[in-house]
PDB file of all heavy atoms in Angstrom:
ATOM      1  N   PHE A   1      23.345  52.050 126.178  1.00  0.00           N
ATOM      2  CA  PHE A   1      22.146  51.327 125.659  1.00  0.00           C
ATOM      3  C   PHE A   1      21.241  52.190 124.746  1.00  0.00           C
ATOM      4  O   PHE A   1      21.104  53.511 124.945  1.00  0.00           O
ATOM      5  CB  PHE A   1      21.246  50.966 126.988  1.00  0.00           C
ATOM      6  CG  PHE A   1      19.983  50.441 126.484  1.00  0.00           C
ATOM      7  CD1 PHE A   1      19.937  49.196 125.967  1.00  0.00           C
ATOM      8  CD2 PHE A   1      18.842  51.270 126.572  1.00  0.00           C
ATOM      9  CE1 PHE A   1      18.681  48.507 125.548  1.00  0.00           C
ATOM     10  CE2 PHE A   1      17.569  50.702 126.135  1.00  0.00           C
ATOM     11  CZ  PHE A   1      17.509  49.399 125.656  1.00  0.00           C
ATOM     12  N   PHE A   2      20.947  51.583 123.687  1.00  0.00           N
ATOM     13  CA  PHE A   2      20.233  52.421 122.606  1.00  0.00           C
ATOM     14  C   PHE A   2      19.216  51.510 121.843  1.00  0.00           C
ATOM     15  O   PHE A   2      19.340  50.229 121.913  1.00  0.00           O
ATOM     16  CB  PHE A   2      21.133  53.184 121.671  1.00  0.00           C
ATOM     17  CG  PHE A   2      21.863  52.253 120.839  1.00  0.00           C
ATOM     18  CD1 PHE A   2      21.480  51.810 119.454  1.00  0.00           C
ATOM     19  CD2 PHE A   2      23.132  51.571 121.161  1.00  0.00           C
ATOM     20  CE1 PHE A   2      22.172  51.002 118.690  1.00  0.00           C
ATOM     21  CE2 PHE A   2      23.825  50.745 120.330  1.00  0.00           C
ATOM     22  CZ  PHE A   2      23.339  50.440 119.103  1.00  0.00           C
ATOM     23  N   GLY A   3      18.313  52.109 121.123  1.00  0.00           N
ATOM     24  CA  GLY A   3      17.416  51.403 120.121  1.00  0.00           C
ATOM     25  C   GLY A   3      17.565  52.082 118.894  1.00  0.00           C
ATOM     26  O   GLY A   3      17.625  53.452 118.809  1.00  0.00           O
ATOM     27  N   ALA A   4      17.593  51.358 117.730  1.00  0.00           N
ATOM     28  CA  ALA A   4      17.724  51.972 116.395  1.00  0.00           C
ATOM     29  C   ALA A   4      16.702  51.428 115.545  1.00  0.00           C
ATOM     30  O   ALA A   4      16.282  50.306 115.465  1.00  0.00           O
ATOM     31  CB  ALA A   4      19.081  51.530 115.721  1.00  0.00           C
ATOM     32  N   ALA A   5      15.946  52.347 114.728  1.00  0.00           N
ATOM     33  CA  ALA A   5      14.867  52.070 113.991  1.00  0.00           C
ATOM     34  C   ALA A   5      15.079  52.693 112.541  1.00  0.00           C
ATOM     35  O   ALA A   5      15.647  53.759 112.390  1.00  0.00           O
ATOM     36  CB  ALA A   5      13.528  52.620 114.603  1.00  0.00           C
ATOM     37  N   ALA A   6      14.679  51.960 111.453  1.00  0.00           N
ATOM     38  CA  ALA A   6      14.825  52.436 110.086  1.00  0.00           C
ATOM     39  C   ALA A   6      13.620  53.426 109.884  1.00  0.00           C
ATOM     40  O   ALA A   6      12.601  53.136 110.021  1.00  0.00           O
ATOM     41  CB  ALA A   6      14.766  51.296 109.193  1.00  0.00           C
ATOM     42  N   LEU A   7      14.024  54.613 109.269  1.00  0.00           N
ATOM     43  CA  LEU A   7      13.094  55.464 108.776  1.00  0.00           C
ATOM     44  C   LEU A   7      13.520  56.011 107.329  1.00  0.00           C
ATOM     45  O   LEU A   7      14.229  57.007 107.182  1.00  0.00           O
ATOM     46  CB  LEU A   7      13.129  56.782 109.739  1.00  0.00           C
ATOM     47  CG  LEU A   7      12.749  56.603 111.174  1.00  0.00           C
ATOM     48  CD1 LEU A   7      12.799  58.061 111.977  1.00  0.00           C
ATOM     49  CD2 LEU A   7      11.317  55.918 111.442  1.00  0.00           C
ATOM     50  N   GLY A   8      13.036  55.157 106.436  1.00  0.00           N
ATOM     51  CA  GLY A   8      13.509  55.339 105.071  1.00  0.00           C
ATOM     52  C   GLY A   8      14.965  55.229 104.882  1.00  0.00           C
ATOM     53  O   GLY A   8      15.537  54.230 105.106  1.00  0.00           O
ATOM     54  N   ASP A   9      15.655  56.284 104.351  1.00  0.00           N
ATOM     55  CA  ASP A   9      17.039  56.298 104.120  1.00  0.00           C
ATOM     56  C   ASP A   9      17.825  56.744 105.396  1.00  0.00           C
ATOM     57  O   ASP A   9      19.105  56.874 105.349  1.00  0.00           O
ATOM     58  CB  ASP A   9      17.436  57.213 103.068  1.00  0.00           C
ATOM     59  CG  ASP A   9      16.839  56.804 101.621  1.00  0.00           C
ATOM     60  OD1 ASP A   9      16.724  55.553 101.485  1.00  0.00           O
ATOM     61  OD2 ASP A   9      16.560  57.748 100.786  1.00  0.00           O
ATOM     62  N   TRP A  10      17.068  56.908 106.427  1.00  0.00           N
ATOM     63  CA  TRP A  10      17.724  57.404 107.759  1.00  0.00           C
ATOM     64  C   TRP A  10      17.553  56.312 108.768  1.00  0.00           C
ATOM     65  O   TRP A  10      16.698  55.435 108.706  1.00  0.00           O
ATOM     66  CB  TRP A  10      17.119  58.617 108.228  1.00  0.00           C
ATOM     67  CG  TRP A  10      17.550  59.920 107.268  1.00  0.00           C
ATOM     68  CD1 TRP A  10      16.823  60.156 106.131  1.00  0.00           C
ATOM     69  CD2 TRP A  10      18.481  60.783 107.541  1.00  0.00           C
ATOM     70  NE1 TRP A  10      17.459  61.253 105.527  1.00  0.00           N
ATOM     71  CE2 TRP A  10      18.473  61.634 106.481  1.00  0.00           C
ATOM     72  CE3 TRP A  10      19.381  61.044 108.638  1.00  0.00           C
ATOM     73  CZ2 TRP A  10      19.348  62.757 106.360  1.00  0.00           C
ATOM     74  CZ3 TRP A  10      20.253  62.133 108.476  1.00  0.00           C
ATOM     75  CH2 TRP A  10      20.229  62.999 107.358  1.00  0.00           C
ATOM     76  N   CYS A  11      18.390  56.396 109.867  1.00  0.00           N
ATOM     77  CA  CYS A  11      18.160  55.478 110.990  1.00  0.00           C
ATOM     78  C   CYS A  11      18.055  56.398 112.228  1.00  0.00           C
ATOM     79  O   CYS A  11      18.844  57.422 112.427  1.00  0.00           O
ATOM     80  CB  CYS A  11      19.470  54.649 111.171  1.00  0.00           C
ATOM     81  SG  CYS A  11      19.296  53.420 112.576  1.00  0.00           S
ATOM     82  N   LEU A  12      17.039  56.221 113.051  1.00  0.00           N
ATOM     83  CA  LEU A  12      16.758  56.950 114.201  1.00  0.00           C
ATOM     84  C   LEU A  12      17.334  56.144 115.449  1.00  0.00           C
ATOM     85  O   LEU A  12      17.056  54.930 115.593  1.00  0.00           O
ATOM     86  CB  LEU A  12      15.318  57.140 114.381  1.00  0.00           C
ATOM     87  CG  LEU A  12      14.823  57.790 115.778  1.00  0.00           C
ATOM     88  CD1 LEU A  12      15.341  59.035 116.073  1.00  0.00           C
ATOM     89  CD2 LEU A  12      13.367  57.719 115.880  1.00  0.00           C
ATOM     90  N   ILE A  13      18.229  56.695 116.165  1.00  0.00           N
ATOM     91  CA  ILE A  13      18.816  56.147 117.330  1.00  0.00           C
ATOM     92  C   ILE A  13      18.174  56.775 118.659  1.00  0.00           C
ATOM     93  O   ILE A  13      18.232  58.125 118.732  1.00  0.00           O
ATOM     94  CB  ILE A  13      20.349  56.265 117.404  1.00  0.00           C
ATOM     95  CG1 ILE A  13      20.861  55.692 116.117  1.00  0.00           C
ATOM     96  CG2 ILE A  13      20.916  55.625 118.625  1.00  0.00           C
ATOM     97  CD1 ILE A  13      22.380  56.019 115.806  1.00  0.00           C
ATOM     98  N   VAL A  14      17.552  56.065 119.431  1.00  0.00           N
ATOM     99  CA  VAL A  14      16.950  56.575 120.628  1.00  0.00           C
ATOM    100  C   VAL A  14      17.795  56.076 121.879  1.00  0.00           C
ATOM    101  O   VAL A  14      17.975  54.835 122.044  1.00  0.00           O
ATOM    102  CB  VAL A  14      15.406  56.168 120.687  1.00  0.00           C
ATOM    103  CG1 VAL A  14      14.916  56.752 122.115  1.00  0.00           C
ATOM    104  CG2 VAL A  14      14.617  56.723 119.506  1.00  0.00           C
ATOM    105  N   GLU A  15      18.192  57.015 122.719  1.00  0.00           N
ATOM    106  CA  GLU A  15      18.903  56.637 123.972  1.00  0.00           C
ATOM    107  C   GLU A  15      18.059  57.276 125.146  1.00  0.00           C
ATOM    108  O   GLU A  15      18.135  58.397 125.378  1.00  0.00           O
ATOM    109  CB  GLU A  15      20.284  57.187 124.029  1.00  0.00           C
ATOM    110  CG  GLU A  15      21.200  56.773 122.922  1.00  0.00           C
ATOM    111  CD  GLU A  15      22.459  57.590 122.923  1.00  0.00           C
ATOM    112  OE1 GLU A  15      23.344  57.279 123.856  1.00  0.00           O
ATOM    113  OE2 GLU A  15      22.689  58.401 122.081  1.00  0.00           O
ATOM    114  N   PRO A  16      17.378  56.465 125.906  1.00  0.00           N
ATOM    115  CA  PRO A  16      16.748  56.911 127.179  1.00  0.00           C
ATOM    116  C   PRO A  16      17.899  57.203 128.211  1.00  0.00           C
ATOM    117  O   PRO A  16      18.613  56.196 128.482  1.00  0.00           O
ATOM    118  CB  PRO A  16      15.834  55.850 127.538  1.00  0.00           C
ATOM    119  CG  PRO A  16      15.619  54.854 126.373  1.00  0.00           C
ATOM    120  CD  PRO A  16      16.931  55.120 125.538  1.00  0.00           C
ATOM    121  N   ASN A  17      18.097  58.323 128.619  1.00  0.00           N
ATOM    122  CA  ASN A  17      18.947  58.586 129.740  1.00  0.00           C
ATOM    123  C   ASN A  17      20.493  58.324 129.344  1.00  0.00           C
ATOM    124  O   ASN A  17      21.226  57.773 130.137  1.00  0.00           O
ATOM    125  CB  ASN A  17      18.657  57.896 130.966  1.00  0.00           C
ATOM    126  CG  ASN A  17      19.322  58.437 132.254  1.00  0.00           C
ATOM    127  OD1 ASN A  17      19.605  59.661 132.297  1.00  0.00           O
ATOM    128  ND2 ASN A  17      19.573  57.523 133.138  1.00  0.00           N
ATOM    129  N   ASP A  18      20.865  58.677 128.100  1.00  0.00           N
ATOM    130  CA  ASP A  18      22.293  58.404 127.694  1.00  0.00           C
ATOM    131  C   ASP A  18      22.600  59.514 126.780  1.00  0.00           C
ATOM    132  O   ASP A  18      21.789  60.415 126.338  1.00  0.00           O
ATOM    133  CB  ASP A  18      22.477  57.040 127.100  1.00  0.00           C
ATOM    134  CG  ASP A  18      23.863  56.535 127.565  1.00  0.00           C
ATOM    135  OD1 ASP A  18      24.827  57.424 127.578  1.00  0.00           O
ATOM    136  OD2 ASP A  18      24.113  55.371 127.650  1.00  0.00           O
ATOM    137  N   SER A  19      23.873  59.520 126.182  1.00  0.00           N
ATOM    138  CA  SER A  19      24.332  60.704 125.452  1.00  0.00           C
ATOM    139  C   SER A  19      25.380  60.269 124.383  1.00  0.00           C
ATOM    140  O   SER A  19      26.191  61.230 123.791  1.00  0.00           O
ATOM    141  CB  SER A  19      25.081  61.700 126.370  1.00  0.00           C
ATOM    142  OG  SER A  19      26.165  60.954 127.173  1.00  0.00           O
ATOM    143  N   MET A  20      25.379  59.114 123.841  1.00  0.00           N
ATOM    144  CA  MET A  20      26.202  58.618 122.861  1.00  0.00           C
ATOM    145  C   MET A  20      26.242  59.469 121.575  1.00  0.00           C
ATOM    146  O   MET A  20      27.294  59.840 120.898  1.00  0.00           O
ATOM    147  CB  MET A  20      25.914  57.190 122.561  1.00  0.00           C
ATOM    148  CG  MET A  20      26.712  56.640 121.359  1.00  0.00           C
ATOM    149  SD  MET A  20      26.316  54.844 121.192  1.00  0.00           S
ATOM    150  CE  MET A  20      24.575  54.960 120.707  1.00  0.00           C
ATOM    151  N   GLY A  21      25.028  59.917 121.170  1.00  0.00           N
ATOM    152  CA  GLY A  21      24.916  60.717 120.000  1.00  0.00           C
ATOM    153  C   GLY A  21      25.465  62.107 119.939  1.00  0.00           C
ATOM    154  O   GLY A  21      25.801  62.661 118.812  1.00  0.00           O
ATOM    155  N   VAL A  22      25.863  62.598 121.154  1.00  0.00           N
ATOM    156  CA  VAL A  22      26.581  63.908 121.190  1.00  0.00           C
ATOM    157  C   VAL A  22      27.959  63.675 121.743  1.00  0.00           C
ATOM    158  O   VAL A  22      28.730  64.663 122.092  1.00  0.00           O
ATOM    159  CB  VAL A  22      25.827  64.915 122.052  1.00  0.00           C
ATOM    160  CG1 VAL A  22      24.481  65.344 121.388  1.00  0.00           C
ATOM    161  CG2 VAL A  22      25.479  64.415 123.512  1.00  0.00           C
ATOM    162  N   ASP A  23      28.469  62.445 121.723  1.00  0.00           N
ATOM    163  CA  ASP A  23      29.934  62.294 122.028  1.00  0.00           C
ATOM    164  C   ASP A  23      30.572  62.130 120.732  1.00  0.00           C
ATOM    165  O   ASP A  23      30.453  61.225 119.958  1.00  0.00           O
ATOM    166  CB  ASP A  23      29.985  60.857 122.719  1.00  0.00           C
ATOM    167  CG  ASP A  23      31.325  60.602 123.302  1.00  0.00           C
ATOM    168  OD1 ASP A  23      32.423  61.063 122.640  1.00  0.00           O
ATOM    169  OD2 ASP A  23      31.486  59.810 124.245  1.00  0.00           O
ATOM    170  N   ALA A  24      31.526  63.174 120.519  1.00  0.00           N
ATOM    171  CA  ALA A  24      32.101  63.258 119.242  1.00  0.00           C
ATOM    172  C   ALA A  24      33.141  62.015 118.905  1.00  0.00           C
ATOM    173  O   ALA A  24      33.405  61.562 117.709  1.00  0.00           O
ATOM    174  CB  ALA A  24      33.077  64.522 119.057  1.00  0.00           C
ATOM    175  N   ALA A  25      33.612  61.371 120.065  1.00  0.00           N
ATOM    176  CA  ALA A  25      34.365  60.174 119.814  1.00  0.00           C
ATOM    177  C   ALA A  25      33.737  59.068 119.236  1.00  0.00           C
ATOM    178  O   ALA A  25      34.259  58.180 118.638  1.00  0.00           O
ATOM    179  CB  ALA A  25      35.124  59.781 121.176  1.00  0.00           C
ATOM    180  N   ILE A  26      32.354  58.975 119.559  1.00  0.00           N
ATOM    181  CA  ILE A  26      31.489  57.921 118.921  1.00  0.00           C
ATOM    182  C   ILE A  26      30.778  58.362 117.684  1.00  0.00           C
ATOM    183  O   ILE A  26      30.810  57.710 116.658  1.00  0.00           O
ATOM    184  CB  ILE A  26      30.519  57.606 119.975  1.00  0.00           C
ATOM    185  CG1 ILE A  26      31.202  56.938 121.219  1.00  0.00           C
ATOM    186  CG2 ILE A  26      29.569  56.401 119.441  1.00  0.00           C
ATOM    187  CD1 ILE A  26      30.178  56.773 122.346  1.00  0.00           C
ATOM    188  N   ALA A  27      30.118  59.476 117.751  1.00  0.00           N
ATOM    189  CA  ALA A  27      29.391  60.027 116.586  1.00  0.00           C
ATOM    190  C   ALA A  27      30.173  60.397 115.382  1.00  0.00           C
ATOM    191  O   ALA A  27      29.775  60.240 114.291  1.00  0.00           O
ATOM    192  CB  ALA A  27      28.450  61.203 117.113  1.00  0.00           C
ATOM    193  N   GLY A  28      31.393  60.829 115.705  1.00  0.00           N
ATOM    194  CA  GLY A  28      32.344  61.196 114.608  1.00  0.00           C
ATOM    195  C   GLY A  28      32.552  60.052 113.525  1.00  0.00           C
ATOM    196  O   GLY A  28      32.235  60.081 112.383  1.00  0.00           O
ATOM    197  N   PRO A  29      33.004  58.937 114.088  1.00  0.00           N
ATOM    198  CA  PRO A  29      33.160  57.820 113.184  1.00  0.00           C
ATOM    199  C   PRO A  29      31.961  57.287 112.595  1.00  0.00           C
ATOM    200  O   PRO A  29      31.880  56.896 111.365  1.00  0.00           O
ATOM    201  CB  PRO A  29      33.830  56.784 114.121  1.00  0.00           C
ATOM    202  CG  PRO A  29      34.555  57.524 115.159  1.00  0.00           C
ATOM    203  CD  PRO A  29      33.760  58.713 115.387  1.00  0.00           C
TER     204      PRO A  29
END
């Protein structure tokens, strides 16, 4: 579960109590 917000040319992904962003199998692609 996550929330994504636009910050200019970037996207901020917030995960309360999760770890998708540091999972190379997901973050890599």
